Amino acid sequence: VLIERFLASRTTALAAVGTQVRDDLLAARIGKPGQYTVVPPGVLIETSLSKTEARQRLGLPLDAPIVLFVGRLTQIKRPDRLLEAFRVARQNVPDAVLALAGEGDLVEHTKSQARDLGDNVRFLGWQSDLGAVYPAADVVVLTSDNEGMPVTLIEAQMLGIPCVTTDVGSAREVVINGETGFVTSKDPSDIARAVSRLLSDESLASQYGASAKVHAERNFGARRLVNDYANMYRGLIDERAPKA
């Protein structure tokens, strides 16, 4: 943090990926408010696969509700919380399947924790083409203790998948609670309640998925990212241009 403060004090402008991330950096006394421009990520992701095709490729059941986690299986992502929430959600949706795409230092430990769930939990390993993974999901879930701007949620919403996330970092700027998905506390019961609602109400999930796609494309597209940085640099140049 001391190094970051030192560098910020000698920097003309700073870019933060979200307003909450900016506020967290300011709270840590890194930079000053006037230095910051909020520039959310710009994402390019597409797919030509249907839900059925994606599930066939991944070896997932074609007729079960699929909850998808994409990310590193490390402590900060809280795979233990994910499994606990999934257990609770299955009380309402017993045929649900949890698919985890990613590697990390907690892979083996998480597999051990999930052993009692049998085939209701599937470990997909590292996936190079996430555009072929997201379409398999009915809901994408993030259960982290901390995040910056979670790109996983942006990618999922770009492809019209509703999301459930803990209220961390700038996740709330990606998932609009009650519109494109649900933002919950870190309590596994709250996460499970949100997941169960989307899995049990196909009409609601479809509505949220459509809204998620519009929101993500409008606010997190690659063209918007380029324009944001161009405007930021243009403003810096104008500030330093000789006055007539």
Protein backbone atom coordinates (compact mmCIF):
# COMPACT_ATOMS: atom_id res chain seq x y z
CA VAL A 1 0.00 0.00 0.00
CA LEU A 2 2.87 2.39 0.80
CA ILE A 3 4.36 1.84 -2.66
CA GLU A 4 0.94 2.41 -4.28
CA ARG A 5 0.52 5.65 -2.35
CA PHE A 6 3.98 6.78 -3.42
CA LEU A 7 3.30 6.05 -7.10
CA ALA A 8 -0.13 7.68 -6.95
CA SER A 9 1.37 10.87 -5.52
CA ARG A 10 3.54 11.16 -8.63
CA THR A 11 0.86 10.20 -11.14
CA THR A 12 -1.19 12.69 -13.12
CA ALA A 13 -4.27 10.52 -13.55
CA LEU A 14 -5.54 7.22 -12.25
CA ALA A 15 -8.09 4.85 -13.79
CA ALA A 16 -10.27 2.62 -11.62
CA VAL A 17 -12.36 -0.24 -12.99
CA GLY A 18 -15.42 0.72 -10.91
CA THR A 19 -16.76 3.37 -8.58
CA GLN A 20 -16.57 1.09 -5.54
CA VAL A 21 -13.00 0.14 -6.43
CA ARG A 22 -12.17 3.85 -6.71
CA ASP A 23 -13.78 4.54 -3.35
CA ASP A 24 -11.88 1.65 -1.75
CA LEU A 25 -8.59 3.00 -3.12
CA LEU A 26 -9.38 6.48 -1.84
CA ALA A 27 -10.23 5.01 1.57
CA ALA A 28 -6.78 3.41 1.55
CA ARG A 29 -5.38 6.91 0.84
CA ILE A 30 -4.19 5.94 -2.63
CA GLY A 31 -4.54 8.99 -4.86
CA LYS A 32 -6.94 11.92 -4.64
CA PRO A 33 -10.51 12.18 -5.94
CA GLY A 34 -9.56 14.53 -8.77
CA GLN A 35 -7.01 12.08 -10.14
CA TYR A 36 -9.50 9.30 -10.81
CA THR A 37 -11.47 8.37 -13.88
CA VAL A 38 -13.71 5.31 -13.65
CA VAL A 39 -13.16 3.12 -16.70
CA PRO A 40 -15.00 -0.22 -16.44
CA PRO A 41 -13.64 -3.21 -18.37
CA GLY A 42 -14.51 -3.69 -22.00
CA VAL A 43 -15.35 -7.29 -22.85
CA LEU A 44 -15.53 -9.19 -26.11
CA ILE A 45 -17.12 -12.62 -25.83
CA GLU A 46 -19.38 -14.50 -28.19
CA THR A 47 -20.66 -17.98 -28.83
CA SER A 48 -22.42 -19.93 -31.52
CA LEU A 49 -23.39 -22.78 -29.21
CA SER A 50 -26.87 -23.53 -27.95
CA LYS A 51 -27.41 -24.65 -24.36
CA THR A 52 -27.70 -28.26 -25.51
CA GLU A 53 -24.51 -28.11 -27.59
CA ALA A 54 -22.54 -26.51 -24.76
CA ARG A 55 -23.69 -29.13 -22.28
CA GLN A 56 -22.86 -31.96 -24.65
CA ARG A 57 -19.32 -30.63 -25.10
CA LEU A 58 -18.81 -30.37 -21.34
CA GLY A 59 -20.44 -33.67 -20.50
CA LEU A 60 -23.19 -32.03 -18.44
CA PRO A 61 -26.77 -33.33 -18.19
CA LEU A 62 -29.07 -31.88 -20.80
CA ASP A 63 -32.21 -31.63 -18.68
CA ALA A 64 -30.94 -30.52 -15.25
CA PRO A 65 -30.73 -26.95 -13.94
CA ILE A 66 -27.06 -25.93 -14.13
CA VAL A 67 -25.37 -23.53 -11.71
CA LEU A 68 -21.98 -22.41 -13.03
CA PHE A 69 -18.95 -21.03 -11.22
CA VAL A 70 -16.07 -19.68 -13.32
CA GLY A 71 -12.86 -18.67 -11.59
CA ARG A 72 -9.84 -19.69 -9.57
CA LEU A 73 -10.51 -22.14 -6.77
CA THR A 74 -8.67 -20.16 -4.12
CA GLN A 75 -9.56 -18.94 -0.63
CA ILE A 76 -10.73 -15.47 -1.66
CA LYS A 77 -13.29 -17.00 -4.04
CA ARG A 78 -14.72 -19.09 -1.18
CA PRO A 79 -15.54 -22.40 -2.89
CA ASP A 80 -16.54 -23.68 0.56
CA ARG A 81 -19.29 -21.02 0.70
CA LEU A 82 -20.31 -21.96 -2.84
CA LEU A 83 -20.75 -25.61 -1.87
CA GLU A 84 -22.66 -24.73 1.28
CA ALA A 85 -25.02 -22.47 -0.66
CA PHE A 86 -25.50 -25.16 -3.29
CA ARG A 87 -26.43 -27.72 -0.65
CA VAL A 88 -29.12 -25.39 0.65
CA ALA A 89 -30.36 -24.58 -2.87
CA ARG A 90 -30.78 -28.29 -3.63
CA GLN A 91 -33.40 -28.52 -0.90
CA ASN A 92 -35.63 -26.56 -3.29
CA VAL A 93 -34.13 -27.75 -6.59
CA PRO A 94 -32.89 -31.30 -5.88
CA ASP A 95 -31.86 -32.09 -9.45
CA ALA A 96 -29.62 -29.01 -9.77
CA VAL A 97 -26.01 -29.52 -10.85
CA LEU A 98 -23.10 -27.28 -9.90
CA ALA A 99 -20.34 -27.00 -12.51
CA LEU A 100 -17.00 -25.42 -11.58
CA ALA A 101 -14.71 -24.18 -14.36
CA GLY A 102 -11.23 -23.30 -13.16
CA GLU A 103 -8.12 -24.47 -11.37
CA GLY A 104 -6.40 -23.27 -8.20
CA ASP A 105 -4.73 -24.35 -5.00
CA LEU A 106 -8.04 -25.48 -3.45
CA VAL A 107 -9.12 -27.81 -6.26
CA GLU A 108 -8.40 -31.04 -4.44
CA HIS A 109 -9.74 -29.74 -1.14
CA THR A 110 -12.95 -28.60 -2.85
CA LYS A 111 -13.34 -31.97 -4.55
CA SER A 112 -13.02 -33.62 -1.15
CA GLN A 113 -15.65 -31.29 0.33
CA ALA A 114 -18.02 -32.04 -2.56
CA ARG A 115 -17.64 -35.82 -2.47
CA ASP A 116 -20.96 -36.37 -0.71
CA LEU A 117 -22.76 -34.52 -3.52
CA GLY A 118 -21.67 -37.08 -6.12
CA ASP A 119 -22.55 -36.25 -9.72
CA ASN A 120 -24.43 -33.13 -8.66
CA VAL A 121 -21.07 -31.35 -8.64
CA ARG A 122 -18.89 -31.41 -11.76
CA PHE A 123 -15.32 -30.11 -11.98
CA LEU A 124 -14.63 -28.91 -15.53
CA GLY A 125 -11.03 -27.84 -14.98
CA TRP A 126 -9.45 -24.92 -16.80
CA GLN A 127 -11.38 -23.90 -19.91
CA SER A 128 -9.66 -21.95 -22.70
CA ASP A 129 -12.90 -20.96 -24.44
CA LEU A 130 -15.39 -19.60 -21.93
CA GLY A 131 -17.72 -18.69 -24.77
CA ALA A 132 -18.34 -22.43 -25.02
CA VAL A 133 -18.94 -22.77 -21.27
CA TYR A 134 -21.36 -20.02 -20.25
CA PRO A 135 -24.20 -21.14 -22.59
CA ALA A 136 -24.47 -24.38 -20.59
CA ALA A 137 -25.56 -22.45 -17.48
CA ASP A 138 -28.93 -21.39 -16.19
CA VAL A 139 -27.31 -19.23 -13.50
CA VAL A 140 -23.73 -18.05 -12.92
CA VAL A 141 -22.69 -17.62 -9.29
CA LEU A 142 -19.86 -15.76 -7.56
CA THR A 143 -19.37 -16.23 -3.80
CA SER A 144 -16.16 -14.26 -3.20
CA ASP A 145 -14.98 -12.45 -0.08
CA ASN A 146 -13.49 -9.72 -2.24
CA GLU A 147 -13.48 -8.64 -5.89
CA GLY A 148 -12.49 -5.69 -8.01
CA MET A 149 -14.67 -5.59 -11.11
CA PRO A 150 -15.65 -9.24 -11.69
CA VAL A 151 -15.21 -9.93 -15.40
CA THR A 152 -16.80 -13.36 -15.03
CA LEU A 153 -20.14 -11.72 -14.30
CA ILE A 154 -19.75 -9.34 -17.24
CA GLU A 155 -19.01 -12.21 -19.63
CA ALA A 156 -21.96 -14.25 -18.39
CA GLN A 157 -24.34 -11.32 -18.73
CA MET A 158 -22.99 -10.50 -22.21
CA LEU A 159 -24.32 -13.91 -23.20
CA GLY A 160 -27.66 -13.40 -21.46
CA ILE A 161 -27.06 -15.48 -18.33
CA PRO A 162 -28.53 -14.10 -15.06
CA CYS A 163 -26.09 -13.98 -12.15
CA VAL A 164 -26.00 -14.22 -8.37
CA THR A 165 -23.10 -12.58 -6.54
CA THR A 166 -22.03 -11.59 -3.08
CA ASP A 167 -21.97 -7.83 -2.53
CA VAL A 168 -18.22 -7.30 -2.93
CA GLY A 169 -16.11 -4.75 -4.80
CA SER A 170 -17.90 -3.42 -7.85
CA ALA A 171 -20.04 -6.54 -8.38
CA ARG A 172 -23.15 -4.43 -7.73
CA GLU A 173 -22.24 -2.29 -10.76
CA VAL A 174 -22.31 -5.41 -12.97
CA VAL A 175 -25.29 -7.27 -11.54
CA ILE A 176 -28.24 -4.97 -11.06
CA ASN A 177 -30.08 -6.46 -8.09
CA GLY A 178 -33.61 -7.49 -8.99
CA GLU A 179 -33.08 -6.68 -12.67
CA THR A 180 -30.22 -8.74 -14.14
CA GLY A 181 -29.77 -11.11 -11.20
CA PHE A 182 -29.32 -10.89 -7.45
CA VAL A 183 -26.71 -9.29 -5.19
CA THR A 184 -26.70 -11.01 -1.81
CA SER A 185 -24.94 -11.00 1.52
CA LYS A 186 -22.19 -13.54 2.14
CA ASP A 187 -24.60 -15.77 4.03
CA PRO A 188 -24.90 -19.08 2.12
CA SER A 189 -28.64 -19.13 2.84
CA ASP A 190 -29.11 -15.79 1.07
CA ILE A 191 -27.08 -16.99 -1.90
CA ALA A 192 -29.07 -20.23 -2.02
CA ARG A 193 -32.37 -18.36 -1.89
CA ALA A 194 -31.41 -16.24 -4.90
CA VAL A 195 -30.12 -19.22 -6.89
CA SER A 196 -33.25 -21.26 -6.10
CA ARG A 197 -35.50 -18.45 -7.23
CA LEU A 198 -33.86 -18.20 -10.63
CA LEU A 199 -33.74 -21.98 -11.11
CA SER A 200 -37.39 -22.36 -10.11
CA ASP A 201 -38.83 -19.52 -12.19
CA GLU A 202 -37.94 -19.92 -15.87
CA SER A 203 -39.83 -16.77 -16.86
CA LEU A 204 -37.97 -14.65 -14.30
CA ALA A 205 -34.61 -16.11 -15.30
CA SER A 206 -35.34 -15.39 -18.96
CA GLN A 207 -36.38 -11.82 -18.15
CA TYR A 208 -33.26 -11.20 -16.06
CA GLY A 209 -31.05 -12.80 -18.71
CA ALA A 210 -32.39 -10.50 -21.41
CA SER A 211 -31.89 -7.45 -19.18
CA ALA A 212 -28.40 -8.67 -18.29
CA LYS A 213 -27.40 -8.83 -21.94
CA VAL A 214 -28.61 -5.28 -22.64
CA HIS A 215 -26.93 -3.91 -19.52
CA ALA A 216 -23.61 -5.64 -20.19
CA GLU A 217 -23.42 -4.69 -23.85
CA ARG A 218 -24.25 -1.06 -23.10
CA ASN A 219 -21.88 -0.60 -20.16
CA PHE A 220 -19.05 -3.08 -20.67
CA GLY A 221 -18.50 -3.29 -24.43
CA ALA A 222 -15.03 -2.98 -25.97
CA ARG A 223 -15.96 0.12 -27.99
CA ARG A 224 -17.06 1.91 -24.82
CA LEU A 225 -13.71 1.05 -23.20
CA VAL A 226 -11.77 2.57 -26.11
CA ASN A 227 -13.91 5.70 -26.05
CA ASP A 228 -13.48 6.09 -22.28
CA TYR A 229 -9.70 5.99 -22.48
CA ALA A 230 -9.64 8.24 -25.53
CA ASN A 231 -11.75 10.80 -23.66
CA MET A 232 -9.55 10.57 -20.58
CA TYR A 233 -6.34 11.18 -22.54
CA ARG A 234 -7.99 13.89 -24.61
CA GLY A 235 -8.94 15.68 -21.41
CA LEU A 236 -5.40 15.43 -20.06
CA ILE A 237 -3.98 16.83 -23.30
CA ASP A 238 -6.47 19.70 -23.27
CA GLU A 239 -5.54 20.55 -19.67
CA ARG A 240 -1.90 20.91 -20.64
CA ALA A 241 -2.37 22.68 -23.97
CA PRO A 242 -0.98 26.24 -24.07
CA LYS A 243 -3.67 28.79 -23.37
CA ALA A 244 -4.32 31.31 -26.15
